[in-house]
Amino acid sequence: MKRIMIIGIVLIALGVVALAYQGITYTSREKIIDIGPIEATQETEKTIPLSPILGVVALAGGIVLVIIGTRARR
């Protein structure tokens, strides 16, 4: 397989994942109080939103690259 087709397939996969999940969620721990041996932490859940436009662009770009890769092969 040519590199352009591999990149296209990866973009298609990333586009589908971006459309399915709509964002990346992670948990972070923050120190609230640190007084000698006493320590208090708080877990907060944060989300990095992924725009559906980003998923559509990645998907469309991947499809275009796969088509270009198959036509260049002929």
Protein backbone atom coordinates (compact mmCIF):
# COMPACT_ATOMS: atom_id res chain seq x y z
CA MET A 1 0.00 0.00 0.00
CA LYS A 2 1.15 3.48 -0.70
CA ARG A 3 1.67 6.00 2.07
CA ILE A 4 -1.14 8.21 0.80
CA MET A 5 -3.64 5.36 1.18
CA ILE A 6 -2.43 4.56 4.69
CA ILE A 7 -2.77 8.21 5.69
CA GLY A 8 -6.25 8.24 4.15
CA ILE A 9 -7.32 5.15 6.11
CA VAL A 10 -5.99 6.66 9.35
CA LEU A 11 -7.89 9.91 8.67
CA ILE A 12 -11.09 7.96 8.02
CA ALA A 13 -10.69 6.11 11.32
CA LEU A 14 -9.97 9.34 13.23
CA GLY A 15 -12.96 11.03 11.59
CA VAL A 16 -15.31 8.21 12.61
CA VAL A 17 -13.97 8.27 16.19
CA ALA A 18 -14.33 12.07 16.38
CA LEU A 19 -17.94 11.85 15.18
CA ALA A 20 -18.77 9.01 17.58
CA TYR A 21 -17.28 10.42 20.78
CA GLN A 22 -17.73 14.19 20.35
CA GLY A 23 -14.98 14.86 22.91
CA ILE A 24 -12.20 13.49 25.09
CA THR A 25 -12.86 13.24 28.83
CA TYR A 26 -10.14 12.91 31.47
CA THR A 27 -9.86 13.15 35.25
CA SER A 28 -7.31 15.35 37.02
CA ARG A 29 -6.40 15.57 40.69
CA GLU A 30 -5.80 18.91 42.33
CA LYS A 31 -4.41 19.62 45.80
CA ILE A 32 -6.78 21.70 47.85
CA ILE A 33 -5.10 21.66 51.26
CA ASP A 34 -1.54 20.70 52.16
CA ILE A 35 -0.87 21.33 55.85
CA GLY A 36 1.98 19.17 57.10
CA PRO A 37 0.85 15.54 57.15
CA ILE A 38 -2.73 16.50 56.24
CA GLU A 39 -3.44 16.62 52.55
CA ALA A 40 -6.73 16.97 50.68
CA THR A 41 -7.20 16.45 46.98
CA GLN A 42 -10.12 16.87 44.63
CA GLU A 43 -10.77 14.95 41.44
CA THR A 44 -12.29 16.97 38.62
CA GLU A 45 -13.50 15.63 35.32
CA LYS A 46 -12.60 17.77 32.32
CA THR A 47 -13.69 17.44 28.71
CA ILE A 48 -11.94 18.57 25.54
CA PRO A 49 -14.75 19.01 23.01
CA LEU A 50 -14.24 17.85 19.43
CA SER A 51 -16.27 19.67 16.85
CA PRO A 52 -18.31 17.51 14.48
CA ILE A 53 -16.87 19.64 11.69
CA LEU A 54 -13.42 18.29 12.57
CA GLY A 55 -14.70 14.71 12.23
CA VAL A 56 -16.38 15.41 8.89
CA VAL A 57 -13.27 17.13 7.50
CA ALA A 58 -11.03 14.24 8.58
CA LEU A 59 -13.44 11.70 7.12
CA ALA A 60 -13.77 13.55 3.81
CA GLY A 61 -10.03 14.11 3.57
CA GLY A 62 -9.37 10.43 4.20
CA ILE A 63 -11.83 9.37 1.52
CA VAL A 64 -10.22 11.77 -0.97
CA LEU A 65 -6.74 10.44 -0.17
CA VAL A 66 -7.85 6.81 -0.60
CA ILE A 67 -9.43 7.64 -3.96
CA ILE A 68 -6.30 9.47 -5.11
CA GLY A 69 -4.17 6.53 -3.94
CA THR A 70 -6.21 3.98 -5.89
CA ARG A 71 -6.22 6.09 -9.08
CA ALA A 72 -2.46 6.70 -8.88
CA ARG A 73 -1.92 2.95 -8.70
CA ARG A 74 -3.42 2.35 -12.15
